[in-house]
Amino acid sequence: MTESTHLGKIEISPAAIASLANHAVLKSYGVVGMSSRNLGQLLSCDSKRGVKVDIEKGEIVIALYVIVEYGTRISEVAHNIMESVKFTVEKALGVPVAQVNVHVQGLRVSESA
């Protein structure tokens, strides 16, 4: 994503947006962790795992792949993730987020239950 001003140019990489989104997801209630879309991401431990950012025509679209705690209301957890990621990214960048899509890849039972 690029923005030009009279002082110069500002570039924000999709990796930076993914890192912001990842942080917001992991702070959300009911989220156990991030999942991966492919084997290459599964073996990595980076902050972009489970996050895909597309920037088309100046619009940000974020896809999230998450693992949710068993026993939580999945629709509520997903909705909270959407709101949290949208708020965090928009606040940090000052650019509207067009979509936040949450893909629940699995459920996990906590050890304490």
PDB file of N, CA and C in Angstrom:
ATOM      1  N   MET A   1       0.852  -1.160   0.000  1.00  0.00           N
ATOM      2  CA  MET A   1       0.000   0.000   0.000  1.00  0.00           C
ATOM      3  C   MET A   1       0.902   1.228   0.000  1.00  0.00           C
ATOM      4  N   THR A   2       0.673   2.142  -0.889  1.00  0.00           N
ATOM      5  CA  THR A   2       1.499   3.331  -1.027  1.00  0.00           C
ATOM      6  C   THR A   2       0.638   4.582  -0.950  1.00  0.00           C
ATOM      7  N   GLU A   3       1.152   5.575  -0.244  1.00  0.00           N
ATOM      8  CA  GLU A   3       0.482   6.871  -0.147  1.00  0.00           C
ATOM      9  C   GLU A   3       1.526   7.951  -0.377  1.00  0.00           C
ATOM     10  N   SER A   4       1.191   8.902  -1.222  1.00  0.00           N
ATOM     11  CA  SER A   4       2.128   9.985  -1.507  1.00  0.00           C
ATOM     12  C   SER A   4       1.634  11.280  -0.885  1.00  0.00           C
ATOM     13  N   THR A   5       2.564  12.036  -0.323  1.00  0.00           N
ATOM     14  CA  THR A   5       2.272  13.358   0.217  1.00  0.00           C
ATOM     15  C   THR A   5       3.248  14.342  -0.408  1.00  0.00           C
ATOM     16  N   HIS A   6       3.121  15.603  -0.062  1.00  0.00           N
ATOM     17  CA  HIS A   6       4.032  16.605  -0.604  1.00  0.00           C
ATOM     18  C   HIS A   6       5.444  16.433  -0.034  1.00  0.00           C
ATOM     19  N   LEU A   7       5.567  15.690   1.068  1.00  0.00           N
ATOM     20  CA  LEU A   7       6.869  15.456   1.684  1.00  0.00           C
ATOM     21  C   LEU A   7       7.571  14.203   1.153  1.00  0.00           C
ATOM     22  N   GLY A   8       6.802  13.306   0.572  1.00  0.00           N
ATOM     23  CA  GLY A   8       7.401  12.070   0.077  1.00  0.00           C
ATOM     24  C   GLY A   8       6.370  10.966  -0.025  1.00  0.00           C
ATOM     25  N   LYS A   9       6.855   9.732   0.001  1.00  0.00           N
ATOM     26  CA  LYS A   9       6.004   8.569  -0.197  1.00  0.00           C
ATOM     27  C   LYS A   9       6.053   7.668   1.041  1.00  0.00           C
ATOM     28  N   ILE A  10       4.891   7.124   1.412  1.00  0.00           N
ATOM     29  CA  ILE A  10       4.783   6.188   2.528  1.00  0.00           C
ATOM     30  C   ILE A  10       4.373   4.842   1.949  1.00  0.00           C
ATOM     31  N   GLU A  11       5.156   3.808   2.242  1.00  0.00           N
ATOM     32  CA  GLU A  11       4.826   2.456   1.796  1.00  0.00           C
ATOM     33  C   GLU A  11       4.627   1.560   3.007  1.00  0.00           C
ATOM     34  N   ILE A  12       3.521   0.830   3.005  1.00  0.00           N
ATOM     35  CA  ILE A  12       3.229  -0.112   4.076  1.00  0.00           C
ATOM     36  C   ILE A  12       3.149  -1.495   3.446  1.00  0.00           C
ATOM     37  N   SER A  13       4.001  -2.391   3.891  1.00  0.00           N
ATOM     38  CA  SER A  13       4.037  -3.725   3.291  1.00  0.00           C
ATOM     39  C   SER A  13       2.899  -4.585   3.828  1.00  0.00           C
ATOM     40  N   PRO A  14       2.441  -5.536   3.023  1.00  0.00           N
ATOM     41  CA  PRO A  14       1.434  -6.473   3.512  1.00  0.00           C
ATOM     42  C   PRO A  14       1.928  -7.251   4.739  1.00  0.00           C
ATOM     43  N   ALA A  15       3.240  -7.477   4.844  1.00  0.00           N
ATOM     44  CA  ALA A  15       3.791  -8.179   6.002  1.00  0.00           C
ATOM     45  C   ALA A  15       3.573  -7.376   7.288  1.00  0.00           C
ATOM     46  N   ALA A  16       3.690  -6.062   7.215  1.00  0.00           N
ATOM     47  CA  ALA A  16       3.456  -5.216   8.387  1.00  0.00           C
ATOM     48  C   ALA A  16       1.981  -5.255   8.793  1.00  0.00           C
ATOM     49  N   ILE A  17       1.096  -5.241   7.820  1.00  0.00           N
ATOM     50  CA  ILE A  17      -0.339  -5.323   8.098  1.00  0.00           C
ATOM     51  C   ILE A  17      -0.661  -6.679   8.707  1.00  0.00           C
ATOM     52  N   ALA A  18      -0.045  -7.740   8.176  1.00  0.00           N
ATOM     53  CA  ALA A  18      -0.267  -9.094   8.698  1.00  0.00           C
ATOM     54  C   ALA A  18       0.199  -9.207  10.144  1.00  0.00           C
ATOM     55  N   SER A  19       1.295  -8.566  10.473  1.00  0.00           N
ATOM     56  CA  SER A  19       1.812  -8.595  11.833  1.00  0.00           C
ATOM     57  C   SER A  19       0.842  -7.904  12.802  1.00  0.00           C
ATOM     58  N   LEU A  20       0.293  -6.770  12.394  1.00  0.00           N
ATOM     59  CA  LEU A  20      -0.712  -6.073  13.215  1.00  0.00           C
ATOM     60  C   LEU A  20      -1.939  -6.954  13.426  1.00  0.00           C
ATOM     61  N   ALA A  21      -2.409  -7.576  12.351  1.00  0.00           N
ATOM     62  CA  ALA A  21      -3.595  -8.425  12.433  1.00  0.00           C
ATOM     63  C   ALA A  21      -3.339  -9.635  13.330  1.00  0.00           C
ATOM     64  N   ASN A  22      -2.175 -10.250  13.191  1.00  0.00           N
ATOM     65  CA  ASN A  22      -1.816 -11.414  13.997  1.00  0.00           C
ATOM     66  C   ASN A  22      -1.838 -11.072  15.480  1.00  0.00           C
ATOM     67  N   HIS A  23      -1.275  -9.942  15.822  1.00  0.00           N
ATOM     68  CA  HIS A  23      -1.230  -9.509  17.224  1.00  0.00           C
ATOM     69  C   HIS A  23      -2.650  -9.311  17.769  1.00  0.00           C
ATOM     70  N   ALA A  24      -3.518  -8.687  16.973  1.00  0.00           N
ATOM     71  CA  ALA A  24      -4.900  -8.453  17.406  1.00  0.00           C
ATOM     72  C   ALA A  24      -5.652  -9.766  17.586  1.00  0.00           C
ATOM     73  N   VAL A  25      -5.426 -10.726  16.695  1.00  0.00           N
ATOM     74  CA  VAL A  25      -6.114 -12.017  16.790  1.00  0.00           C
ATOM     75  C   VAL A  25      -5.700 -12.755  18.057  1.00  0.00           C
ATOM     76  N   LEU A  26      -4.413 -12.794  18.329  1.00  0.00           N
ATOM     77  CA  LEU A  26      -3.922 -13.564  19.465  1.00  0.00           C
ATOM     78  C   LEU A  26      -4.361 -12.982  20.810  1.00  0.00           C
ATOM     79  N   LYS A  27      -4.755 -11.707  20.835  1.00  0.00           N
ATOM     80  CA  LYS A  27      -5.277 -11.095  22.062  1.00  0.00           C
ATOM     81  C   LYS A  27      -6.779 -11.339  22.229  1.00  0.00           C
ATOM     82  N   SER A  28      -7.437 -11.883  21.218  1.00  0.00           N
ATOM     83  CA  SER A  28      -8.889 -12.073  21.242  1.00  0.00           C
ATOM     84  C   SER A  28      -9.288 -13.261  22.108  1.00  0.00           C
ATOM     85  N   TYR A  29     -10.379 -13.100  22.834  1.00  0.00           N
ATOM     86  CA  TYR A  29     -10.903 -14.166  23.680  1.00  0.00           C
ATOM     87  C   TYR A  29     -11.354 -15.346  22.824  1.00  0.00           C
ATOM     88  N   GLY A  30     -11.016 -16.553  23.266  1.00  0.00           N
ATOM     89  CA  GLY A  30     -11.459 -17.761  22.594  1.00  0.00           C
ATOM     90  C   GLY A  30     -10.514 -18.273  21.527  1.00  0.00           C
ATOM     91  N   VAL A  31      -9.473 -17.512  21.216  1.00  0.00           N
ATOM     92  CA  VAL A  31      -8.518 -17.934  20.198  1.00  0.00           C
ATOM     93  C   VAL A  31      -7.383 -18.701  20.868  1.00  0.00           C
ATOM     94  N   VAL A  32      -7.141 -19.911  20.385  1.00  0.00           N
ATOM     95  CA  VAL A  32      -6.059 -20.740  20.903  1.00  0.00           C
ATOM     96  C   VAL A  32      -4.777 -20.440  20.149  1.00  0.00           C
ATOM     97  N   GLY A  33      -4.891 -20.215  18.849  1.00  0.00           N
ATOM     98  CA  GLY A  33      -3.716 -19.927  18.037  1.00  0.00           C
ATOM     99  C   GLY A  33      -4.087 -19.716  16.591  1.00  0.00           C
ATOM    100  N   MET A  34      -3.061 -19.527  15.796  1.00  0.00           N
ATOM    101  CA  MET A  34      -3.237 -19.330  14.372  1.00  0.00           C
ATOM    102  C   MET A  34      -2.944 -20.651  13.665  1.00  0.00           C
ATOM    103  N   SER A  35      -3.663 -20.887  12.601  1.00  0.00           N
ATOM    104  CA  SER A  35      -3.443 -22.074  11.794  1.00  0.00           C
ATOM    105  C   SER A  35      -2.676 -21.647  10.545  1.00  0.00           C
ATOM    106  N   SER A  36      -2.411 -22.596   9.677  1.00  0.00           N
ATOM    107  CA  SER A  36      -1.725 -22.238   8.446  1.00  0.00           C
ATOM    108  C   SER A  36      -2.523 -22.730   7.258  1.00  0.00           C
ATOM    109  N   ARG A  37      -2.297 -22.062   6.146  1.00  0.00           N
ATOM    110  CA  ARG A  37      -2.987 -22.453   4.926  1.00  0.00           C
ATOM    111  C   ARG A  37      -2.190 -23.487   4.157  1.00  0.00           C
ATOM    112  N   ASN A  38      -0.881 -23.556   4.397  1.00  0.00           N
ATOM    113  CA  ASN A  38      -0.046 -24.509   3.669  1.00  0.00           C
ATOM    114  C   ASN A  38       1.089 -25.015   4.546  1.00  0.00           C
ATOM    115  N   LEU A  39       1.783 -26.052   4.094  1.00  0.00           N
ATOM    116  CA  LEU A  39       2.833 -26.697   4.882  1.00  0.00           C
ATOM    117  C   LEU A  39       4.012 -25.774   5.144  1.00  0.00           C
ATOM    118  N   GLY A  40       4.334 -24.913   4.207  1.00  0.00           N
ATOM    119  CA  GLY A  40       5.444 -23.973   4.388  1.00  0.00           C
ATOM    120  C   GLY A  40       5.222 -23.048   5.569  1.00  0.00           C
ATOM    121  N   GLN A  41       4.015 -22.590   5.730  1.00  0.00           N
ATOM    122  CA  GLN A  41       3.700 -21.736   6.867  1.00  0.00           C
ATOM    123  C   GLN A  41       3.606 -22.534   8.155  1.00  0.00           C
ATOM    124  N   LEU A  42       3.190 -23.792   8.062  1.00  0.00           N
ATOM    125  CA  LEU A  42       3.048 -24.620   9.246  1.00  0.00           C
ATOM    126  C   LEU A  42       4.380 -24.797   9.960  1.00  0.00           C
ATOM    127  N   LEU A  43       5.466 -24.882   9.189  1.00  0.00           N
ATOM    128  CA  LEU A  43       6.779 -25.111   9.763  1.00  0.00           C
ATOM    129  C   LEU A  43       7.465 -23.830  10.230  1.00  0.00           C
ATOM    130  N   SER A  44       6.912 -22.691   9.898  1.00  0.00           N
ATOM    131  CA  SER A  44       7.527 -21.428  10.302  1.00  0.00           C
ATOM    132  C   SER A  44       6.894 -20.906  11.585  1.00  0.00           C
ATOM    133  N   CYS A  45       7.610 -20.024  12.273  1.00  0.00           N
ATOM    134  CA  CYS A  45       7.105 -19.442  13.520  1.00  0.00           C
ATOM    135  C   CYS A  45       6.997 -17.933  13.403  1.00  0.00           C
ATOM    136  N   ASP A  46       6.722 -17.430  12.214  1.00  0.00           N
ATOM    137  CA  ASP A  46       6.708 -15.986  12.042  1.00  0.00           C
ATOM    138  C   ASP A  46       5.359 -15.390  12.420  1.00  0.00           C
ATOM    139  N   SER A  47       5.335 -14.070  12.491  1.00  0.00           N
ATOM    140  CA  SER A  47       4.134 -13.374  12.941  1.00  0.00           C
ATOM    141  C   SER A  47       3.080 -13.241  11.845  1.00  0.00           C
ATOM    142  N   LYS A  48       3.360 -13.759  10.654  1.00  0.00           N
ATOM    143  CA  LYS A  48       2.397 -13.676   9.559  1.00  0.00           C
ATOM    144  C   LYS A  48       1.670 -15.001   9.352  1.00  0.00           C
ATOM    145  N   ARG A  49       1.998 -16.005  10.144  1.00  0.00           N
ATOM    146  CA  ARG A  49       1.381 -17.318   9.975  1.00  0.00           C
ATOM    147  C   ARG A  49      -0.113 -17.219  10.229  1.00  0.00           C
ATOM    148  N   GLY A  50      -0.893 -17.750   9.310  1.00  0.00           N
ATOM    149  CA  GLY A  50      -2.339 -17.735   9.455  1.00  0.00           C
ATOM    150  C   GLY A  50      -2.991 -16.444   9.044  1.00  0.00           C
ATOM    151  N   VAL A  51      -2.240 -15.546   8.413  1.00  0.00           N
ATOM    152  CA  VAL A  51      -2.785 -14.266   7.975  1.00  0.00           C
ATOM    153  C   VAL A  51      -2.430 -14.054   6.506  1.00  0.00           C
ATOM    154  N   LYS A  52      -3.427 -13.697   5.706  1.00  0.00           N
ATOM    155  CA  LYS A  52      -3.195 -13.371   4.299  1.00  0.00           C
ATOM    156  C   LYS A  52      -3.750 -11.974   4.065  1.00  0.00           C
ATOM    157  N   VAL A  53      -2.919 -11.094   3.525  1.00  0.00           N
ATOM    158  CA  VAL A  53      -3.327  -9.716   3.263  1.00  0.00           C
ATOM    159  C   VAL A  53      -3.300  -9.460   1.760  1.00  0.00           C
ATOM    160  N   ASP A  54      -4.409  -8.985   1.225  1.00  0.00           N
ATOM    161  CA  ASP A  54      -4.489  -8.584  -0.179  1.00  0.00           C
ATOM    162  C   ASP A  54      -4.819  -7.107  -0.229  1.00  0.00           C
ATOM    163  N   ILE A  55      -4.097  -6.396  -1.082  1.00  0.00           N
ATOM    164  CA  ILE A  55      -4.374  -4.979  -1.292  1.00  0.00           C
ATOM    165  C   ILE A  55      -4.697  -4.800  -2.763  1.00  0.00           C
ATOM    166  N   GLU A  56      -5.969  -4.507  -3.042  1.00  0.00           N
ATOM    167  CA  GLU A  56      -6.412  -4.339  -4.415  1.00  0.00           C
ATOM    168  C   GLU A  56      -7.175  -3.028  -4.538  1.00  0.00           C
ATOM    169  N   LYS A  57      -6.745  -2.211  -5.462  1.00  0.00           N
ATOM    170  CA  LYS A  57      -7.395  -0.918  -5.711  1.00  0.00           C
ATOM    171  C   LYS A  57      -7.482  -0.078  -4.444  1.00  0.00           C
ATOM    172  N   GLY A  58      -6.450  -0.132  -3.620  1.00  0.00           N
ATOM    173  CA  GLY A  58      -6.403   0.661  -2.404  1.00  0.00           C
ATOM    174  C   GLY A  58      -7.228   0.120  -1.253  1.00  0.00           C
ATOM    175  N   GLU A  59      -7.823  -1.062  -1.421  1.00  0.00           N
ATOM    176  CA  GLU A  59      -8.623  -1.670  -0.353  1.00  0.00           C
ATOM    177  C   GLU A  59      -7.855  -2.815   0.279  1.00  0.00           C
ATOM    178  N   ILE A  60      -7.921  -2.902   1.606  1.00  0.00           N
ATOM    179  CA  ILE A  60      -7.246  -3.957   2.344  1.00  0.00           C
ATOM    180  C   ILE A  60      -8.251  -5.063   2.650  1.00  0.00           C
ATOM    181  N   VAL A  61      -7.894  -6.288   2.261  1.00  0.00           N
ATOM    182  CA  VAL A  61      -8.702  -7.467   2.568  1.00  0.00           C
ATOM    183  C   VAL A  61      -7.809  -8.429   3.340  1.00  0.00           C
ATOM    184  N   ILE A  62      -8.254  -8.817   4.533  1.00  0.00           N
ATOM    185  CA  ILE A  62      -7.463  -9.670   5.410  1.00  0.00           C
ATOM    186  C   ILE A  62      -8.199 -10.997   5.619  1.00  0.00           C
ATOM    187  N   ALA A  63      -7.486 -12.101   5.380  1.00  0.00           N
ATOM    188  CA  ALA A  63      -8.016 -13.441   5.658  1.00  0.00           C
ATOM    189  C   ALA A  63      -7.241 -14.018   6.837  1.00  0.00           C
ATOM    190  N   LEU A  64      -7.962 -14.531   7.814  1.00  0.00           N
ATOM    191  CA  LEU A  64      -7.352 -15.069   9.034  1.00  0.00           C
ATOM    192  C   LEU A  64      -7.720 -16.539   9.180  1.00  0.00           C
ATOM    193  N   TYR A  65      -6.743 -17.348   9.556  1.00  0.00           N
ATOM    194  CA  TYR A  65      -6.933 -18.786   9.746  1.00  0.00           C
ATOM    195  C   TYR A  65      -6.632 -19.090  11.210  1.00  0.00           C
ATOM    196  N   VAL A  66      -7.680 -19.406  11.979  1.00  0.00           N
ATOM    197  CA  VAL A  66      -7.537 -19.493  13.434  1.00  0.00           C
ATOM    198  C   VAL A  66      -7.980 -20.848  13.974  1.00  0.00           C
ATOM    199  N   ILE A  67      -7.512 -21.129  15.187  1.00  0.00           N
ATOM    200  CA  ILE A  67      -7.956 -22.278  15.963  1.00  0.00           C
ATOM    201  C   ILE A  67      -8.642 -21.712  17.203  1.00  0.00           C
ATOM    202  N   VAL A  68      -9.860 -22.184  17.461  1.00  0.00           N
ATOM    203  CA  VAL A  68     -10.709 -21.629  18.512  1.00  0.00           C
ATOM    204  C   VAL A  68     -10.821 -22.627  19.667  1.00  0.00           C
ATOM    205  N   GLU A  69     -10.980 -22.096  20.856  1.00  0.00           N
ATOM    206  CA  GLU A  69     -11.167 -22.905  22.068  1.00  0.00           C
ATOM    207  C   GLU A  69     -12.506 -23.634  22.002  1.00  0.00           C
ATOM    208  N   TYR A  70     -12.465 -24.940  22.258  1.00  0.00           N
ATOM    209  CA  TYR A  70     -13.688 -25.748  22.292  1.00  0.00           C
ATOM    210  C   TYR A  70     -14.593 -25.246  23.414  1.00  0.00           C
ATOM    211  N   GLY A  71     -15.877 -25.143  23.130  1.00  0.00           N
ATOM    212  CA  GLY A  71     -16.836 -24.713  24.137  1.00  0.00           C
ATOM    213  C   GLY A  71     -17.201 -23.242  24.029  1.00  0.00           C
ATOM    214  N   THR A  72     -16.471 -22.485  23.227  1.00  0.00           N
ATOM    215  CA  THR A  72     -16.827 -21.083  23.017  1.00  0.00           C
ATOM    216  C   THR A  72     -17.800 -20.999  21.848  1.00  0.00           C
ATOM    217  N   ARG A  73     -18.549 -19.937  21.783  1.00  0.00           N
ATOM    218  CA  ARG A  73     -19.466 -19.733  20.667  1.00  0.00           C
ATOM    219  C   ARG A  73     -18.642 -19.242  19.480  1.00  0.00           C
ATOM    220  N   ILE A  74     -18.499 -20.080  18.488  1.00  0.00           N
ATOM    221  CA  ILE A  74     -17.597 -19.813  17.363  1.00  0.00           C
ATOM    222  C   ILE A  74     -17.980 -18.532  16.626  1.00  0.00           C
ATOM    223  N   SER A  75     -19.259 -18.315  16.411  1.00  0.00           N
ATOM    224  CA  SER A  75     -19.682 -17.111  15.683  1.00  0.00           C
ATOM    225  C   SER A  75     -19.318 -15.844  16.452  1.00  0.00           C
ATOM    226  N   GLU A  76     -19.442 -15.869  17.774  1.00  0.00           N
ATOM    227  CA  GLU A  76     -19.085 -14.700  18.590  1.00  0.00           C
ATOM    228  C   GLU A  76     -17.576 -14.455  18.574  1.00  0.00           C
ATOM    229  N   VAL A  77     -16.803 -15.529  18.702  1.00  0.00           N
ATOM    230  CA  VAL A  77     -15.345 -15.391  18.661  1.00  0.00           C
ATOM    231  C   VAL A  77     -14.927 -14.813  17.309  1.00  0.00           C
ATOM    232  N   ALA A  78     -15.484 -15.344  16.223  1.00  0.00           N
ATOM    233  CA  ALA A  78     -15.142 -14.855  14.876  1.00  0.00           C
ATOM    234  C   ALA A  78     -15.527 -13.389  14.702  1.00  0.00           C
ATOM    235  N   HIS A  79     -16.703 -13.012  15.195  1.00  0.00           N
ATOM    236  CA  HIS A  79     -17.143 -11.616  15.093  1.00  0.00           C
ATOM    237  C   HIS A  79     -16.222 -10.695  15.885  1.00  0.00           C
ATOM    238  N   ASN A  80     -15.828 -11.113  17.082  1.00  0.00           N
ATOM    239  CA  ASN A  80     -14.906 -10.314  17.897  1.00  0.00           C
ATOM    240  C   ASN A  80     -13.548 -10.171  17.223  1.00  0.00           C
ATOM    241  N   ILE A  81     -13.081 -11.236  16.587  1.00  0.00           N
ATOM    242  CA  ILE A  81     -11.820 -11.167  15.847  1.00  0.00           C
ATOM    243  C   ILE A  81     -11.923 -10.142  14.722  1.00  0.00           C
ATOM    244  N   MET A  82     -13.021 -10.195  13.975  1.00  0.00           N
ATOM    245  CA  MET A  82     -13.224  -9.247  12.866  1.00  0.00           C
ATOM    246  C   MET A  82     -13.155  -7.804  13.356  1.00  0.00           C
ATOM    247  N   GLU A  83     -13.890  -7.516  14.418  1.00  0.00           N
ATOM    248  CA  GLU A  83     -13.930  -6.156  14.953  1.00  0.00           C
ATOM    249  C   GLU A  83     -12.565  -5.717  15.484  1.00  0.00           C
ATOM    250  N   SER A  84     -11.893  -6.606  16.205  1.00  0.00           N
ATOM    251  CA  SER A  84     -10.597  -6.276  16.796  1.00  0.00           C
ATOM    252  C   SER A  84      -9.542  -6.008  15.730  1.00  0.00           C
ATOM    253  N   VAL A  85      -9.494  -6.859  14.718  1.00  0.00           N
ATOM    254  CA  VAL A  85      -8.497  -6.688  13.647  1.00  0.00           C
ATOM    255  C   VAL A  85      -8.792  -5.421  12.852  1.00  0.00           C
ATOM    256  N   LYS A  86     -10.042  -5.205  12.512  1.00  0.00           N
ATOM    257  CA  LYS A  86     -10.422  -3.996  11.758  1.00  0.00           C
ATOM    258  C   LYS A  86     -10.033  -2.739  12.537  1.00  0.00           C
ATOM    259  N   PHE A  87     -10.375  -2.697  13.821  1.00  0.00           N
ATOM    260  CA  PHE A  87     -10.057  -1.535  14.658  1.00  0.00           C
ATOM    261  C   PHE A  87      -8.547  -1.332  14.756  1.00  0.00           C
ATOM    262  N   THR A  88      -7.799  -2.387  15.041  1.00  0.00           N
ATOM    263  CA  THR A  88      -6.350  -2.285  15.227  1.00  0.00           C
ATOM    264  C   THR A  88      -5.644  -1.798  13.973  1.00  0.00           C
ATOM    265  N   VAL A  89      -5.979  -2.391  12.839  1.00  0.00           N
ATOM    266  CA  VAL A  89      -5.318  -2.014  11.578  1.00  0.00           C
ATOM    267  C   VAL A  89      -5.706  -0.600  11.161  1.00  0.00           C
ATOM    268  N   GLU A  90      -6.974  -0.255  11.252  1.00  0.00           N
ATOM    269  CA  GLU A  90      -7.407   1.092  10.871  1.00  0.00           C
ATOM    270  C   GLU A  90      -6.810   2.153  11.780  1.00  0.00           C
ATOM    271  N   LYS A  91      -6.718   1.860  13.075  1.00  0.00           N
ATOM    272  CA  LYS A  91      -6.134   2.826  14.017  1.00  0.00           C
ATOM    273  C   LYS A  91      -4.652   3.036  13.735  1.00  0.00           C
ATOM    274  N   ALA A  92      -3.936   1.951  13.449  1.00  0.00           N
ATOM    275  CA  ALA A  92      -2.494   2.046  13.211  1.00  0.00           C
ATOM    276  C   ALA A  92      -2.168   2.707  11.874  1.00  0.00           C
ATOM    277  N   LEU A  93      -2.961   2.425  10.850  1.00  0.00           N
ATOM    278  CA  LEU A  93      -2.636   2.898   9.501  1.00  0.00           C
ATOM    279  C   LEU A  93      -3.426   4.126   9.062  1.00  0.00           C
ATOM    280  N   GLY A  94      -4.599   4.319   9.639  1.00  0.00           N
ATOM    281  CA  GLY A  94      -5.444   5.416   9.190  1.00  0.00           C
ATOM    282  C   GLY A  94      -6.052   5.146   7.832  1.00  0.00           C
ATOM    283  N   VAL A  95      -6.126   3.869   7.457  1.00  0.00           N
ATOM    284  CA  VAL A  95      -6.679   3.452   6.163  1.00  0.00           C
ATOM    285  C   VAL A  95      -7.801   2.451   6.441  1.00  0.00           C
ATOM    286  N   PRO A  96      -8.956   2.596   5.781  1.00  0.00           N
ATOM    287  CA  PRO A  96     -10.052   1.668   6.057  1.00  0.00           C
ATOM    288  C   PRO A  96      -9.755   0.250   5.566  1.00  0.00           C
ATOM    289  N   VAL A  97     -10.242  -0.724   6.317  1.00  0.00           N
ATOM    290  CA  VAL A  97     -10.130  -2.132   5.951  1.00  0.00           C
ATOM    291  C   VAL A  97     -11.460  -2.534   5.316  1.00  0.00           C
ATOM    292  N   ALA A  98     -11.405  -3.048   4.091  1.00  0.00           N
ATOM    293  CA  ALA A  98     -12.627  -3.401   3.370  1.00  0.00           C
ATOM    294  C   ALA A  98     -13.266  -4.667   3.924  1.00  0.00           C
ATOM    295  N   GLN A  99     -12.448  -5.705   4.202  1.00  0.00           N
ATOM    296  CA  GLN A  99     -12.980  -6.975   4.684  1.00  0.00           C
ATOM    297  C   GLN A  99     -12.007  -7.647   5.638  1.00  0.00           C
ATOM    298  N   VAL A 100     -12.565  -8.335   6.616  1.00  0.00           N
ATOM    299  CA  VAL A 100     -11.795  -9.244   7.474  1.00  0.00           C
ATOM    300  C   VAL A 100     -12.554 -10.566   7.454  1.00  0.00           C
ATOM    301  N   ASN A 101     -11.946 -11.586   6.856  1.00  0.00           N
ATOM    302  CA  ASN A 101     -12.574 -12.897   6.727  1.00  0.00           C
ATOM    303  C   ASN A 101     -11.895 -13.867   7.686  1.00  0.00           C
ATOM    304  N   VAL A 102     -12.684 -14.501   8.542  1.00  0.00           N
ATOM    305  CA  VAL A 102     -12.155 -15.432   9.534  1.00  0.00           C
ATOM    306  C   VAL A 102     -12.495 -16.861   9.105  1.00  0.00           C
ATOM    307  N   HIS A 103     -11.465 -17.686   9.000  1.00  0.00           N
ATOM    308  CA  HIS A 103     -11.620 -19.095   8.655  1.00  0.00           C
ATOM    309  C   HIS A 103     -11.228 -19.906   9.885  1.00  0.00           C
ATOM    310  N   VAL A 104     -12.196 -20.560  10.505  1.00  0.00           N
ATOM    311  CA  VAL A 104     -11.910 -21.386  11.680  1.00  0.00           C
ATOM    312  C   VAL A 104     -11.421 -22.736  11.169  1.00  0.00           C
ATOM    313  N   GLN A 105     -10.154 -23.027  11.429  1.00  0.00           N
ATOM    314  CA  GLN A 105      -9.515 -24.235  10.916  1.00  0.00           C
ATOM    315  C   GLN A 105      -9.620 -25.408  11.889  1.00  0.00           C
ATOM    316  N   GLY A 106      -9.974 -25.129  13.140  1.00  0.00           N
ATOM    317  CA  GLY A 106     -10.087 -26.221  14.087  1.00  0.00           C
ATOM    318  C   GLY A 106     -10.504 -25.746  15.461  1.00  0.00           C
ATOM    319  N   LEU A 107     -10.790 -26.724  16.320  1.00  0.00           N
ATOM    320  CA  LEU A 107     -11.143 -26.470  17.717  1.00  0.00           C
ATOM    321  C   LEU A 107     -10.145 -27.209  18.582  1.00  0.00           C
ATOM    322  N   ARG A 108      -9.838 -26.641  19.733  1.00  0.00           N
ATOM    323  CA  ARG A 108      -8.906 -27.290  20.647  1.00  0.00           C
ATOM    324  C   ARG A 108      -9.462 -27.251  22.053  1.00  0.00           C
ATOM    325  N   VAL A 109      -9.405 -28.389  22.729  1.00  0.00           N
ATOM    326  CA  VAL A 109      -9.847 -28.492  24.117  1.00  0.00           C
ATOM    327  C   VAL A 109      -8.681 -28.064  24.992  1.00  0.00           C
ATOM    328  N   SER A 110      -8.940 -27.185  25.954  1.00  0.00           N
ATOM    329  CA  SER A 110      -7.855 -26.710  26.817  1.00  0.00           C
ATOM    330  C   SER A 110      -7.453 -27.805  27.807  1.00  0.00           C
ATOM    331  N   GLU A 111      -6.218 -27.734  28.248  1.00  0.00           N
ATOM    332  CA  GLU A 111      -5.674 -28.709  29.191  1.00  0.00           C
ATOM    333  C   GLU A 111      -6.332 -28.606  30.568  1.00  0.00           C
ATOM    334  N   SER A 112      -6.778 -27.392  30.951  1.00  0.00           N
ATOM    335  CA  SER A 112      -7.316 -27.163  32.297  1.00  0.00           C
ATOM    336  C   SER A 112      -8.743 -27.656  32.471  1.00  0.00           C
ATOM    337  N   ALA A 113      -9.401 -28.015  31.377  1.00  0.00           N
ATOM    338  CA  ALA A 113     -10.814 -28.435  31.460  1.00  0.00           C
ATOM    339  C   ALA A 113     -10.983 -29.838  31.976  1.00  0.00           C
TER     340      ALA A 113
END
